[in-house]
PDB file of N, CA and C in Angstrom:
ATOM      1  N   MET A   1       8.286 -12.881 -15.426  1.00  0.00           N
ATOM      2  CA  MET A   1       8.327 -11.632 -14.471  1.00  0.00           C
ATOM      3  C   MET A   1       7.008 -11.055 -14.278  1.00  0.00           C
ATOM      4  N   SER A   2       6.809 -10.680 -12.925  1.00  0.00           N
ATOM      5  CA  SER A   2       5.744  -9.907 -12.499  1.00  0.00           C
ATOM      6  C   SER A   2       5.898  -9.015 -11.426  1.00  0.00           C
ATOM      7  N   CYS A   3       5.253  -7.944 -11.288  1.00  0.00           N
ATOM      8  CA  CYS A   3       5.268  -6.999 -10.487  1.00  0.00           C
ATOM      9  C   CYS A   3       4.553  -7.396  -9.104  1.00  0.00           C
ATOM     10  N   HIS A   4       4.551  -8.343  -8.558  1.00  0.00           N
ATOM     11  CA  HIS A   4       3.885  -9.008  -7.392  1.00  0.00           C
ATOM     12  C   HIS A   4       3.545  -8.026  -6.377  1.00  0.00           C
ATOM     13  N   GLU A   5       4.660  -7.170  -6.200  1.00  0.00           N
ATOM     14  CA  GLU A   5       4.237  -6.120  -5.198  1.00  0.00           C
ATOM     15  C   GLU A   5       3.330  -5.038  -5.204  1.00  0.00           C
ATOM     16  N   ILE A   6       3.099  -4.686  -6.624  1.00  0.00           N
ATOM     17  CA  ILE A   6       2.250  -3.747  -6.845  1.00  0.00           C
ATOM     18  C   ILE A   6       0.873  -4.204  -6.881  1.00  0.00           C
ATOM     19  N   GLU A   7       0.667  -5.492  -7.399  1.00  0.00           N
ATOM     20  CA  GLU A   7      -0.875  -6.421  -7.540  1.00  0.00           C
ATOM     21  C   GLU A   7      -1.182  -6.604  -6.169  1.00  0.00           C
ATOM     22  N   ALA A   8      -0.088  -6.983  -5.240  1.00  0.00           N
ATOM     23  CA  ALA A   8      -0.604  -7.180  -3.750  1.00  0.00           C
ATOM     24  C   ALA A   8      -1.028  -5.956  -3.071  1.00  0.00           C
ATOM     25  N   LEU A   9      -0.333  -4.765  -3.385  1.00  0.00           N
ATOM     26  CA  LEU A   9      -0.714  -3.661  -3.042  1.00  0.00           C
ATOM     27  C   LEU A   9      -2.051  -3.055  -3.377  1.00  0.00           C
ATOM     28  N   ARG A  10      -2.226  -3.285  -4.622  1.00  0.00           N
ATOM     29  CA  ARG A  10      -3.761  -2.954  -5.240  1.00  0.00           C
ATOM     30  C   ARG A  10      -4.845  -3.804  -4.470  1.00  0.00           C
ATOM     31  N   LEU A  11      -4.618  -5.325  -4.121  1.00  0.00           N
ATOM     32  CA  LEU A  11      -5.461  -5.895  -3.624  1.00  0.00           C
ATOM     33  C   LEU A  11      -5.719  -5.456  -2.008  1.00  0.00           C
ATOM     34  N   GLY A  12      -4.572  -5.186  -1.339  1.00  0.00           N
ATOM     35  CA  GLY A  12      -4.672  -4.666   0.203  1.00  0.00           C
ATOM     36  C   GLY A  12      -5.389  -3.230   0.137  1.00  0.00           C
ATOM     37  N   LEU A  13      -4.933  -2.397  -0.946  1.00  0.00           N
ATOM     38  CA  LEU A  13      -5.755  -1.085  -0.937  1.00  0.00           C
ATOM     39  C   LEU A  13      -7.236  -1.386  -1.251  1.00  0.00           C
ATOM     40  N   MET A  14      -7.701  -2.105  -2.070  1.00  0.00           N
ATOM     41  CA  MET A  14      -8.958  -2.484  -2.274  1.00  0.00           C
ATOM     42  C   MET A  14      -9.796  -2.815  -1.109  1.00  0.00           C
ATOM     43  N   THR A  15      -9.025  -3.775  -0.121  1.00  0.00           N
ATOM     44  CA  THR A  15      -9.693  -3.787   1.071  1.00  0.00           C
ATOM     45  C   THR A  15      -9.824  -2.782   1.965  1.00  0.00           C
ATOM     46  N   VAL A  16      -8.755  -2.214   2.256  1.00  0.00           N
ATOM     47  CA  VAL A  16      -8.559  -1.041   3.247  1.00  0.00           C
ATOM     48  C   VAL A  16      -9.585   0.152   2.861  1.00  0.00           C
ATOM     49  N   LEU A  17      -9.635   0.361   1.681  1.00  0.00           N
ATOM     50  CA  LEU A  17     -10.606   1.479   1.025  1.00  0.00           C
ATOM     51  C   LEU A  17     -12.061   1.082   0.785  1.00  0.00           C
ATOM     52  N   GLY A  18     -12.205  -0.348   0.770  1.00  0.00           N
ATOM     53  CA  GLY A  18     -13.691  -0.848   0.227  1.00  0.00           C
ATOM     54  C   GLY A  18     -14.098  -0.551  -1.083  1.00  0.00           C
ATOM     55  N   VAL A  19     -12.914  -0.729  -1.792  1.00  0.00           N
ATOM     56  CA  VAL A  19     -13.078  -0.419  -3.235  1.00  0.00           C
ATOM     57  C   VAL A  19     -12.979  -1.700  -4.145  1.00  0.00           C
ATOM     58  N   GLY A  20     -13.286  -1.505  -5.420  1.00  0.00           N
ATOM     59  CA  GLY A  20     -13.067  -2.792  -6.396  1.00  0.00           C
ATOM     60  C   GLY A  20     -14.216  -3.577  -6.487  1.00  0.00           C
ATOM     61  N   ASP A  21     -14.327  -4.074  -7.574  1.00  0.00           N
ATOM     62  CA  ASP A  21     -15.268  -5.296  -7.600  1.00  0.00           C
ATOM     63  C   ASP A  21     -14.765  -6.728  -7.673  1.00  0.00           C
ATOM     64  N   GLU A  22     -15.651  -7.682  -7.528  1.00  0.00           N
ATOM     65  CA  GLU A  22     -15.026  -8.805  -7.281  1.00  0.00           C
ATOM     66  C   GLU A  22     -14.044  -9.422  -8.543  1.00  0.00           C
ATOM     67  N   SER A  23     -14.458  -8.992  -9.830  1.00  0.00           N
ATOM     68  CA  SER A  23     -13.597  -9.461 -10.851  1.00  0.00           C
ATOM     69  C   SER A  23     -12.143  -8.941 -10.831  1.00  0.00           C
ATOM     70  N   THR A  24     -12.129  -7.681 -10.429  1.00  0.00           N
ATOM     71  CA  THR A  24     -10.701  -7.085 -10.252  1.00  0.00           C
ATOM     72  C   THR A  24      -9.890  -7.835  -9.176  1.00  0.00           C
ATOM     73  N   ARG A  25     -10.851  -7.950  -8.042  1.00  0.00           N
ATOM     74  CA  ARG A  25     -10.220  -8.764  -6.970  1.00  0.00           C
ATOM     75  C   ARG A  25      -9.461 -10.233  -7.266  1.00  0.00           C
ATOM     76  N   ASP A  26     -10.669 -10.739  -7.996  1.00  0.00           N
ATOM     77  CA  ASP A  26     -10.274 -12.187  -8.560  1.00  0.00           C
ATOM     78  C   ASP A  26      -9.003 -12.197  -9.551  1.00  0.00           C
ATOM     79  N   HIS A  27      -8.975 -11.054 -10.497  1.00  0.00           N
ATOM     80  CA  HIS A  27      -7.830 -10.955 -11.431  1.00  0.00           C
ATOM     81  C   HIS A  27      -6.444 -10.642 -10.615  1.00  0.00           C
ATOM     82  N   ALA A  28      -6.675 -10.058  -9.511  1.00  0.00           N
ATOM     83  CA  ALA A  28      -5.462  -9.835  -8.681  1.00  0.00           C
ATOM     84  C   ALA A  28      -5.022 -10.954  -7.896  1.00  0.00           C
ATOM     85  N   ALA A  29      -6.024 -11.875  -7.283  1.00  0.00           N
ATOM     86  CA  ALA A  29      -5.692 -13.040  -6.724  1.00  0.00           C
ATOM     87  C   ALA A  29      -5.087 -14.072  -7.650  1.00  0.00           C
ATOM     88  N   LYS A  30      -5.492 -14.173  -8.955  1.00  0.00           N
ATOM     89  CA  LYS A  30      -4.921 -15.087  -9.885  1.00  0.00           C
ATOM     90  C   LYS A  30      -3.494 -14.677 -10.160  1.00  0.00           C
ATOM     91  N   GLU A  31      -3.457 -13.451 -10.430  1.00  0.00           N
ATOM     92  CA  GLU A  31      -1.898 -13.084 -10.690  1.00  0.00           C
ATOM     93  C   GLU A  31      -0.875 -13.403  -9.273  1.00  0.00           C
ATOM     94  N   LEU A  32      -1.488 -13.439  -8.270  1.00  0.00           N
ATOM     95  CA  LEU A  32      -0.713 -13.710  -7.002  1.00  0.00           C
ATOM     96  C   LEU A  32      -0.625 -15.104  -6.602  1.00  0.00           C
ATOM     97  N   ASP A  33      -1.152 -15.960  -7.399  1.00  0.00           N
ATOM     98  CA  ASP A  33      -1.421 -17.354  -6.894  1.00  0.00           C
ATOM     99  C   ASP A  33      -0.007 -18.046  -6.898  1.00  0.00           C
ATOM    100  N   GLY A  34       0.379 -18.496  -5.942  1.00  0.00           N
ATOM    101  CA  GLY A  34       1.635 -19.236  -5.834  1.00  0.00           C
ATOM    102  C   GLY A  34       2.749 -18.232  -5.226  1.00  0.00           C
ATOM    103  N   HIS A  35       2.322 -16.967  -5.019  1.00  0.00           N
ATOM    104  CA  HIS A  35       3.394 -16.053  -4.589  1.00  0.00           C
ATOM    105  C   HIS A  35       3.176 -15.269  -3.239  1.00  0.00           C
ATOM    106  N   LEU A  36       1.919 -15.886  -2.718  1.00  0.00           N
ATOM    107  CA  LEU A  36       1.652 -15.003  -1.484  1.00  0.00           C
ATOM    108  C   LEU A  36       2.477 -15.888  -0.135  1.00  0.00           C
ATOM    109  N   GLU A  37       3.505 -14.932  -0.141  1.00  0.00           N
ATOM    110  CA  GLU A  37       4.323 -15.148   1.157  1.00  0.00           C
ATOM    111  C   GLU A  37       5.128 -13.868   1.317  1.00  0.00           C
ATOM    112  N   GLY A  38       5.445 -13.851   2.699  1.00  0.00           N
ATOM    113  CA  GLY A  38       6.379 -12.661   3.047  1.00  0.00           C
ATOM    114  C   GLY A  38       5.647 -11.405   2.935  1.00  0.00           C
ATOM    115  N   PRO A  39       6.350 -10.450   2.497  1.00  0.00           N
ATOM    116  CA  PRO A  39       5.625  -8.900   2.255  1.00  0.00           C
ATOM    117  C   PRO A  39       4.556  -9.308   1.301  1.00  0.00           C
ATOM    118  N   ILE A  40       4.748  -9.874   0.210  1.00  0.00           N
ATOM    119  CA  ILE A  40       3.730  -9.758  -0.759  1.00  0.00           C
ATOM    120  C   ILE A  40       2.271 -10.527  -0.190  1.00  0.00           C
ATOM    121  N   GLU A  41       2.542 -11.341   0.809  1.00  0.00           N
ATOM    122  CA  GLU A  41       1.138 -12.002   1.486  1.00  0.00           C
ATOM    123  C   GLU A  41       0.733 -10.856   2.486  1.00  0.00           C
ATOM    124  N   GLY A  42       1.658 -10.358   2.989  1.00  0.00           N
ATOM    125  CA  GLY A  42       1.186  -9.146   3.854  1.00  0.00           C
ATOM    126  C   GLY A  42       0.568  -7.877   3.256  1.00  0.00           C
ATOM    127  N   LEU A  43       0.926  -7.487   2.140  1.00  0.00           N
ATOM    128  CA  LEU A  43       0.284  -6.571   1.208  1.00  0.00           C
ATOM    129  C   LEU A  43      -1.022  -7.055   0.926  1.00  0.00           C
ATOM    130  N   ALA A  44      -1.071  -8.149   0.314  1.00  0.00           N
ATOM    131  CA  ALA A  44      -2.391  -8.550  -0.247  1.00  0.00           C
ATOM    132  C   ALA A  44      -3.539  -8.875   0.957  1.00  0.00           C
ATOM    133  N   ASN A  45      -3.074  -8.995   1.982  1.00  0.00           N
ATOM    134  CA  ASN A  45      -4.129  -9.362   3.242  1.00  0.00           C
ATOM    135  C   ASN A  45      -4.042  -8.177   4.078  1.00  0.00           C
ATOM    136  N   ALA A  46      -3.614  -7.190   4.144  1.00  0.00           N
ATOM    137  CA  ALA A  46      -3.613  -5.970   4.740  1.00  0.00           C
ATOM    138  C   ALA A  46      -5.009  -5.383   5.141  1.00  0.00           C
ATOM    139  N   GLU A  47      -5.356  -4.856   6.448  1.00  0.00           N
ATOM    140  CA  GLU A  47      -6.521  -4.302   6.713  1.00  0.00           C
ATOM    141  C   GLU A  47      -6.691  -2.864   6.962  1.00  0.00           C
ATOM    142  N   SER A  48      -5.201  -2.400   7.003  1.00  0.00           N
ATOM    143  CA  SER A  48      -5.285  -1.018   7.336  1.00  0.00           C
ATOM    144  C   SER A  48      -3.892  -0.462   6.640  1.00  0.00           C
ATOM    145  N   LEU A  49      -4.074   0.983   6.692  1.00  0.00           N
ATOM    146  CA  LEU A  49      -2.783   1.543   5.984  1.00  0.00           C
ATOM    147  C   LEU A  49      -1.562   1.538   6.551  1.00  0.00           C
ATOM    148  N   ALA A  50      -1.510   1.470   7.869  1.00  0.00           N
ATOM    149  CA  ALA A  50      -0.244   1.101   8.612  1.00  0.00           C
ATOM    150  C   ALA A  50       0.318  -0.247   8.334  1.00  0.00           C
ATOM    151  N   GLU A  51      -0.508  -1.400   8.249  1.00  0.00           N
ATOM    152  CA  GLU A  51      -0.134  -2.601   7.733  1.00  0.00           C
ATOM    153  C   GLU A  51       0.476  -2.585   6.120  1.00  0.00           C
ATOM    154  N   LEU A  52      -0.154  -1.803   5.492  1.00  0.00           N
ATOM    155  CA  LEU A  52       0.295  -1.612   4.029  1.00  0.00           C
ATOM    156  C   LEU A  52       1.683  -0.926   4.138  1.00  0.00           C
ATOM    157  N   GLN A  53       1.786  -0.048   4.879  1.00  0.00           N
ATOM    158  CA  GLN A  53       3.203   0.787   5.069  1.00  0.00           C
ATOM    159  C   GLN A  53       4.279  -0.171   5.426  1.00  0.00           C
ATOM    160  N   ARG A  54       3.999  -0.959   6.711  1.00  0.00           N
ATOM    161  CA  ARG A  54       4.785  -1.917   6.977  1.00  0.00           C
ATOM    162  C   ARG A  54       5.364  -2.936   6.062  1.00  0.00           C
ATOM    163  N   HIS A  55       4.304  -3.692   5.416  1.00  0.00           N
ATOM    164  CA  HIS A  55       4.633  -4.574   4.302  1.00  0.00           C
ATOM    165  C   HIS A  55       5.353  -3.850   2.854  1.00  0.00           C
ATOM    166  N   LEU A  56       5.050  -2.911   2.869  1.00  0.00           N
ATOM    167  CA  LEU A  56       5.837  -2.169   1.598  1.00  0.00           C
ATOM    168  C   LEU A  56       7.130  -1.846   2.064  1.00  0.00           C
ATOM    169  N   ASP A  57       7.598  -1.413   3.076  1.00  0.00           N
ATOM    170  CA  ASP A  57       8.837  -1.426   3.733  1.00  0.00           C
ATOM    171  C   ASP A  57       9.720  -2.520   3.513  1.00  0.00           C
ATOM    172  N   ALA A  58       9.108  -3.573   4.045  1.00  0.00           N
ATOM    173  CA  ALA A  58       9.702  -5.075   3.704  1.00  0.00           C
ATOM    174  C   ALA A  58       9.916  -5.324   2.452  1.00  0.00           C
ATOM    175  N   ALA A  59       8.805  -5.057   1.519  1.00  0.00           N
ATOM    176  CA  ALA A  59       8.859  -5.406   0.202  1.00  0.00           C
ATOM    177  C   ALA A  59      10.313  -4.722  -0.276  1.00  0.00           C
ATOM    178  N   LEU A  60      10.457  -3.407   0.127  1.00  0.00           N
ATOM    179  CA  LEU A  60      11.588  -2.711  -0.724  1.00  0.00           C
ATOM    180  C   LEU A  60      12.811  -2.910  -0.159  1.00  0.00           C
ATOM    181  N   VAL A  61      12.840  -3.662   1.144  1.00  0.00           N
ATOM    182  CA  VAL A  61      14.205  -4.063   1.537  1.00  0.00           C
ATOM    183  C   VAL A  61      14.487  -5.401   0.588  1.00  0.00           C
ATOM    184  N   ASP A  62      13.546  -6.147   0.494  1.00  0.00           N
ATOM    185  CA  ASP A  62      13.926  -7.384  -0.514  1.00  0.00           C
ATOM    186  C   ASP A  62      14.200  -6.955  -1.823  1.00  0.00           C
ATOM    187  N   LEU A  63      13.540  -6.117  -2.338  1.00  0.00           N
ATOM    188  CA  LEU A  63      13.795  -5.818  -3.709  1.00  0.00           C
ATOM    189  C   LEU A  63      15.233  -5.088  -3.930  1.00  0.00           C
ATOM    190  N   GLU A  64      15.434  -4.234  -2.748  1.00  0.00           N
ATOM    191  CA  GLU A  64      16.706  -3.647  -2.818  1.00  0.00           C
ATOM    192  C   GLU A  64      18.144  -4.691  -2.637  1.00  0.00           C
ATOM    193  N   GLU A  65      17.885  -5.725  -1.646  1.00  0.00           N
ATOM    194  CA  GLU A  65      18.537  -6.604  -1.921  1.00  0.00           C
ATOM    195  C   GLU A  65      18.567  -7.449  -3.070  1.00  0.00           C
ATOM    196  N   GLU A  66      17.620  -7.745  -3.776  1.00  0.00           N
ATOM    197  CA  GLU A  66      17.675  -8.434  -5.040  1.00  0.00           C
ATOM    198  C   GLU A  66      18.455  -7.719  -6.115  1.00  0.00           C
ATOM    199  N   VAL A  67      18.345  -6.513  -6.082  1.00  0.00           N
ATOM    200  CA  VAL A  67      18.996  -5.625  -7.329  1.00  0.00           C
ATOM    201  C   VAL A  67      20.243  -5.496  -7.014  1.00  0.00           C
ATOM    202  N   ALA A  68      20.605  -5.451  -5.713  1.00  0.00           N
ATOM    203  CA  ALA A  68      22.152  -5.176  -5.284  1.00  0.00           C
ATOM    204  C   ALA A  68      22.903  -6.611  -5.609  1.00  0.00           C
ATOM    205  N   THR A  69      22.467  -7.720  -5.550  1.00  0.00           N
ATOM    206  CA  THR A  69      22.938  -8.937  -5.938  1.00  0.00           C
ATOM    207  C   THR A  69      22.968  -9.322  -7.293  1.00  0.00           C
ATOM    208  N   MET A  70      22.063  -8.507  -8.098  1.00  0.00           N
ATOM    209  CA  MET A  70      21.988  -9.070  -9.366  1.00  0.00           C
ATOM    210  C   MET A  70      23.143  -8.544 -10.440  1.00  0.00           C
ATOM    211  N   ASP A  71      23.519  -9.366 -11.629  1.00  0.00           N
ATOM    212  CA  ASP A  71      24.330  -9.058 -12.517  1.00  0.00           C
ATOM    213  C   ASP A  71      23.877  -7.838 -13.149  1.00  0.00           C
ATOM    214  N   ARG A  72      24.557  -6.851 -13.387  1.00  0.00           N
ATOM    215  CA  ARG A  72      23.904  -5.628 -14.236  1.00  0.00           C
ATOM    216  C   ARG A  72      23.658  -6.189 -15.904  1.00  0.00           C
ATOM    217  N   GLU A  73      24.226  -7.213 -16.087  1.00  0.00           N
ATOM    218  CA  GLU A  73      23.982  -7.777 -17.580  1.00  0.00           C
ATOM    219  C   GLU A  73      22.899  -8.715 -17.717  1.00  0.00           C
ATOM    220  N   ASP A  74      22.254  -9.022 -16.385  1.00  0.00           N
ATOM    221  CA  ASP A  74      21.291 -10.057 -16.375  1.00  0.00           C
ATOM    222  C   ASP A  74      19.934  -9.331 -17.289  1.00  0.00           C
ATOM    223  N   PRO A  75      19.266 -10.004 -18.121  1.00  0.00           N
ATOM    224  CA  PRO A  75      18.266  -9.458 -18.836  1.00  0.00           C
ATOM    225  C   PRO A  75      17.148  -9.045 -17.828  1.00  0.00           C
ATOM    226  N   ALA A  76      17.071  -9.264 -16.613  1.00  0.00           N
ATOM    227  CA  ALA A  76      16.026  -9.192 -15.685  1.00  0.00           C
ATOM    228  C   ALA A  76      16.419  -7.842 -14.953  1.00  0.00           C
ATOM    229  N   TYR A  77      17.828  -7.414 -14.988  1.00  0.00           N
ATOM    230  CA  TYR A  77      18.011  -6.407 -14.060  1.00  0.00           C
ATOM    231  C   TYR A  77      17.387  -5.085 -14.270  1.00  0.00           C
ATOM    232  N   ASP A  78      17.336  -4.530 -15.504  1.00  0.00           N
ATOM    233  CA  ASP A  78      16.332  -3.309 -15.582  1.00  0.00           C
ATOM    234  C   ASP A  78      14.970  -3.528 -15.068  1.00  0.00           C
ATOM    235  N   TYR A  79      14.335  -4.455 -15.409  1.00  0.00           N
ATOM    236  CA  TYR A  79      12.927  -4.763 -14.952  1.00  0.00           C
ATOM    237  C   TYR A  79      12.775  -4.662 -13.456  1.00  0.00           C
ATOM    238  N   THR A  80      13.723  -5.348 -12.803  1.00  0.00           N
ATOM    239  CA  THR A  80      14.076  -5.625 -11.338  1.00  0.00           C
ATOM    240  C   THR A  80      14.015  -4.180 -10.702  1.00  0.00           C
ATOM    241  N   ARG A  81      15.009  -3.501 -11.385  1.00  0.00           N
ATOM    242  CA  ARG A  81      15.113  -1.888 -10.922  1.00  0.00           C
ATOM    243  C   ARG A  81      13.885  -1.139 -11.024  1.00  0.00           C
ATOM    244  N   GLY A  82      13.353  -1.603 -12.126  1.00  0.00           N
ATOM    245  CA  GLY A  82      11.921  -0.650 -12.404  1.00  0.00           C
ATOM    246  C   GLY A  82      10.942  -0.846 -11.303  1.00  0.00           C
ATOM    247  N   ARG A  83      10.867  -2.430 -11.044  1.00  0.00           N
ATOM    248  CA  ARG A  83       9.953  -2.763  -9.849  1.00  0.00           C
ATOM    249  C   ARG A  83      10.261  -1.821  -8.604  1.00  0.00           C
ATOM    250  N   LEU A  84      11.705  -1.892  -8.219  1.00  0.00           N
ATOM    251  CA  LEU A  84      12.100  -1.067  -7.052  1.00  0.00           C
ATOM    252  C   LEU A  84      11.424   0.205  -7.133  1.00  0.00           C
ATOM    253  N   LEU A  85      11.659   0.960  -8.285  1.00  0.00           N
ATOM    254  CA  LEU A  85      11.177   2.259  -8.363  1.00  0.00           C
ATOM    255  C   LEU A  85       9.840   2.514  -8.161  1.00  0.00           C
ATOM    256  N   GLU A  86       9.118   1.659  -8.803  1.00  0.00           N
ATOM    257  CA  GLU A  86       7.587   1.500  -8.606  1.00  0.00           C
ATOM    258  C   GLU A  86       7.167   1.314  -7.242  1.00  0.00           C
ATOM    259  N   VAL A  87       7.645   0.464  -6.443  1.00  0.00           N
ATOM    260  CA  VAL A  87       7.541   0.204  -5.091  1.00  0.00           C
ATOM    261  C   VAL A  87       7.853   1.096  -4.260  1.00  0.00           C
ATOM    262  N   ARG A  88       8.756   2.058  -4.648  1.00  0.00           N
ATOM    263  CA  ARG A  88       9.165   3.263  -3.839  1.00  0.00           C
ATOM    264  C   ARG A  88       8.213   4.192  -3.950  1.00  0.00           C
ATOM    265  N   ASN A  89       7.594   4.329  -5.333  1.00  0.00           N
ATOM    266  CA  ASN A  89       6.436   5.364  -5.719  1.00  0.00           C
ATOM    267  C   ASN A  89       5.446   4.927  -4.950  1.00  0.00           C
ATOM    268  N   ALA A  90       5.152   3.744  -4.845  1.00  0.00           N
ATOM    269  CA  ALA A  90       3.695   3.488  -4.143  1.00  0.00           C
ATOM    270  C   ALA A  90       3.874   3.683  -2.566  1.00  0.00           C
ATOM    271  N   GLU A  91       5.087   3.306  -2.103  1.00  0.00           N
ATOM    272  CA  GLU A  91       5.165   3.711  -0.637  1.00  0.00           C
ATOM    273  C   GLU A  91       5.020   5.342  -0.352  1.00  0.00           C
ATOM    274  N   ARG A  92       5.441   6.181  -1.363  1.00  0.00           N
ATOM    275  CA  ARG A  92       5.091   7.580  -1.061  1.00  0.00           C
ATOM    276  C   ARG A  92       3.607   7.847  -1.348  1.00  0.00           C
ATOM    277  N   ALA A  93       2.887   7.343  -2.411  1.00  0.00           N
ATOM    278  CA  ALA A  93       1.473   7.119  -2.324  1.00  0.00           C
ATOM    279  C   ALA A  93       0.927   6.830  -1.059  1.00  0.00           C
ATOM    280  N   VAL A  94       1.181   5.833  -0.684  1.00  0.00           N
ATOM    281  CA  VAL A  94       0.483   5.283   0.677  1.00  0.00           C
ATOM    282  C   VAL A  94       0.855   6.243   1.718  1.00  0.00           C
ATOM    283  N   GLN A  95       1.982   6.849   1.722  1.00  0.00           N
ATOM    284  CA  GLN A  95       2.454   7.774   2.947  1.00  0.00           C
ATOM    285  C   GLN A  95       1.366   9.084   2.570  1.00  0.00           C
ATOM    286  N   ARG A  96       1.088   9.731   1.497  1.00  0.00           N
ATOM    287  CA  ARG A  96       0.237  10.534   1.259  1.00  0.00           C
ATOM    288  C   ARG A  96      -1.117  10.332   1.689  1.00  0.00           C
ATOM    289  N   LEU A  97      -1.524   9.332   1.304  1.00  0.00           N
ATOM    290  CA  LEU A  97      -2.727   8.884   1.691  1.00  0.00           C
ATOM    291  C   LEU A  97      -3.198   8.852   3.137  1.00  0.00           C
ATOM    292  N   THR A  98      -2.086   8.379   3.780  1.00  0.00           N
ATOM    293  CA  THR A  98      -2.242   8.183   5.461  1.00  0.00           C
ATOM    294  C   THR A  98      -2.378   9.487   5.773  1.00  0.00           C
ATOM    295  N   ALA A  99      -1.430  10.318   5.270  1.00  0.00           N
ATOM    296  CA  ALA A  99      -1.258  11.988   5.822  1.00  0.00           C
ATOM    297  C   ALA A  99      -2.568  12.389   5.538  1.00  0.00           C
ATOM    298  N   GLN A 100      -3.181  12.222   4.299  1.00  0.00           N
ATOM    299  CA  GLN A 100      -4.530  12.955   3.893  1.00  0.00           C
ATOM    300  C   GLN A 100      -5.673  12.552   4.772  1.00  0.00           C
ATOM    301  N   GLY A 101      -5.593  11.282   5.117  1.00  0.00           N
ATOM    302  CA  GLY A 101      -6.605  10.550   6.077  1.00  0.00           C
ATOM    303  C   GLY A 101      -6.350  11.150   7.516  1.00  0.00           C
ATOM    304  N   GLU A 102      -5.319  11.327   7.801  1.00  0.00           N
ATOM    305  CA  GLU A 102      -5.000  12.022   9.152  1.00  0.00           C
ATOM    306  C   GLU A 102      -5.373  13.433   9.320  1.00  0.00           C
ATOM    307  N   SER A 103      -5.215  14.072   8.227  1.00  0.00           N
ATOM    308  CA  SER A 103      -5.753  15.478   8.099  1.00  0.00           C
ATOM    309  C   SER A 103      -7.237  15.576   8.192  1.00  0.00           C
ATOM    310  N   ILE A 104      -7.794  14.688   7.552  1.00  0.00           N
ATOM    311  CA  ILE A 104      -9.341  14.617   7.538  1.00  0.00           C
ATOM    312  C   ILE A 104      -9.931  14.292   8.950  1.00  0.00           C
ATOM    313  N   VAL A 105      -9.499  13.395   9.510  1.00  0.00           N
ATOM    314  CA  VAL A 105      -9.889  13.114  10.892  1.00  0.00           C
ATOM    315  C   VAL A 105      -9.404  14.415  11.915  1.00  0.00           C
ATOM    316  N   ASP A 106      -8.451  15.082  11.655  1.00  0.00           N
ATOM    317  CA  ASP A 106      -8.080  16.061  12.559  1.00  0.00           C
ATOM    318  C   ASP A 106      -9.202  17.319  12.171  1.00  0.00           C
ATOM    319  N   GLY A 107      -9.421  17.513  10.918  1.00  0.00           N
ATOM    320  CA  GLY A 107     -10.444  18.527  10.517  1.00  0.00           C
ATOM    321  C   GLY A 107     -11.713  18.262  11.189  1.00  0.00           C
ATOM    322  N   LEU A 108     -12.134  17.012  10.995  1.00  0.00           N
ATOM    323  CA  LEU A 108     -13.433  16.541  11.661  1.00  0.00           C
ATOM    324  C   LEU A 108     -13.497  16.849  13.290  1.00  0.00           C
ATOM    325  N   GLY A 109     -12.507  16.693  13.773  1.00  0.00           N
ATOM    326  CA  GLY A 109     -12.150  17.060  15.277  1.00  0.00           C
ATOM    327  C   GLY A 109     -12.456  18.477  15.528  1.00  0.00           C
ATOM    328  N   GLU A 110     -11.856  19.207  14.943  1.00  0.00           N
ATOM    329  CA  GLU A 110     -11.860  20.745  14.780  1.00  0.00           C
ATOM    330  C   GLU A 110     -13.297  21.189  14.454  1.00  0.00           C
ATOM    331  N   ALA A 111     -13.976  20.674  13.747  1.00  0.00           N
ATOM    332  CA  ALA A 111     -15.146  20.964  13.249  1.00  0.00           C
ATOM    333  C   ALA A 111     -16.188  20.599  14.361  1.00  0.00           C
ATOM    334  N   HIS A 112     -15.940  19.429  15.094  1.00  0.00           N
ATOM    335  CA  HIS A 112     -16.674  18.943  16.418  1.00  0.00           C
ATOM    336  C   HIS A 112     -16.642  20.162  17.400  1.00  0.00           C
ATOM    337  N   ASP A 113     -15.442  20.275  17.635  1.00  0.00           N
ATOM    338  CA  ASP A 113     -14.960  21.626  18.674  1.00  0.00           C
ATOM    339  C   ASP A 113     -15.643  22.804  18.560  1.00  0.00           C
ATOM    340  N   THR A 114     -15.624  23.073  17.210  1.00  0.00           N
ATOM    341  CA  THR A 114     -16.277  24.442  16.782  1.00  0.00           C
ATOM    342  C   THR A 114     -17.846  24.529  16.960  1.00  0.00           C
ATOM    343  N   LEU A 115     -18.320  23.201  16.550  1.00  0.00           N
ATOM    344  CA  LEU A 115     -20.010  23.292  16.867  1.00  0.00           C
ATOM    345  C   LEU A 115     -20.138  23.401  18.270  1.00  0.00           C
ATOM    346  N   HIS A 116     -19.455  22.827  19.062  1.00  0.00           N
ATOM    347  CA  HIS A 116     -19.685  22.841  20.497  1.00  0.00           C
ATOM    348  C   HIS A 116     -19.605  24.111  21.225  1.00  0.00           C
ATOM    349  N   GLU A 117     -18.623  24.762  20.736  1.00  0.00           N
ATOM    350  CA  GLU A 117     -18.218  26.046  21.251  1.00  0.00           C
ATOM    351  C   GLU A 117     -19.110  27.167  20.551  1.00  0.00           C
ATOM    352  N   THR A 118     -19.717  26.912  19.367  1.00  0.00           N
ATOM    353  CA  THR A 118     -20.580  27.881  18.801  1.00  0.00           C
ATOM    354  C   THR A 118     -22.141  27.436  19.498  1.00  0.00           C
ATOM    355  N   PHE A 119     -22.269  26.266  19.701  1.00  0.00           N
ATOM    356  CA  PHE A 119     -23.701  25.840  20.084  1.00  0.00           C
ATOM    357  C   PHE A 119     -23.473  25.056  21.402  1.00  0.00           C
ATOM    358  N   PRO A 120     -23.201  25.463  22.511  1.00  0.00           N
ATOM    359  CA  PRO A 120     -22.879  24.817  23.471  1.00  0.00           C
ATOM    360  C   PRO A 120     -24.199  23.916  24.228  1.00  0.00           C
ATOM    361  N   VAL A 121     -23.960  22.903  24.546  1.00  0.00           N
ATOM    362  CA  VAL A 121     -25.050  21.933  24.915  1.00  0.00           C
ATOM    363  C   VAL A 121     -24.920  21.886  26.432  1.00  0.00           C
ATOM    364  N   GLU A 122     -26.134  22.049  27.039  1.00  0.00           N
ATOM    365  CA  GLU A 122     -26.160  21.933  28.605  1.00  0.00           C
ATOM    366  C   GLU A 122     -26.638  20.591  29.064  1.00  0.00           C
ATOM    367  N   GLU A 123     -25.920  19.868  29.929  1.00  0.00           N
ATOM    368  CA  GLU A 123     -26.180  18.608  30.266  1.00  0.00           C
ATOM    369  C   GLU A 123     -26.666  18.704  31.594  1.00  0.00           C
TER     370      GLU A 123
END
């Protein structure tokens, strides 16, 4: 068992944020080998926070279905529930990252406007 959703999200975030070295990317890609389909593939190949959010939502739906249909006595049940909780946590983290990014963009817009108000440029 492996939490492919989290590893795929890491890989996608490394791309979106432009961070991570090749060995980290290679390790993530190896862990995902043979599992790149559906939301996992979308997360791993995402190029924007909006894409990550969309694929995380899909991964959550899949995990919720999986947990709902599992027998509680199944040895994998608790682990699968744990994966579901971690993907929910990851979804909230990406939402916070998106909100912070939007706040920075808004702040830069305000700074730009303030500069033009303070130092008008005649054209």
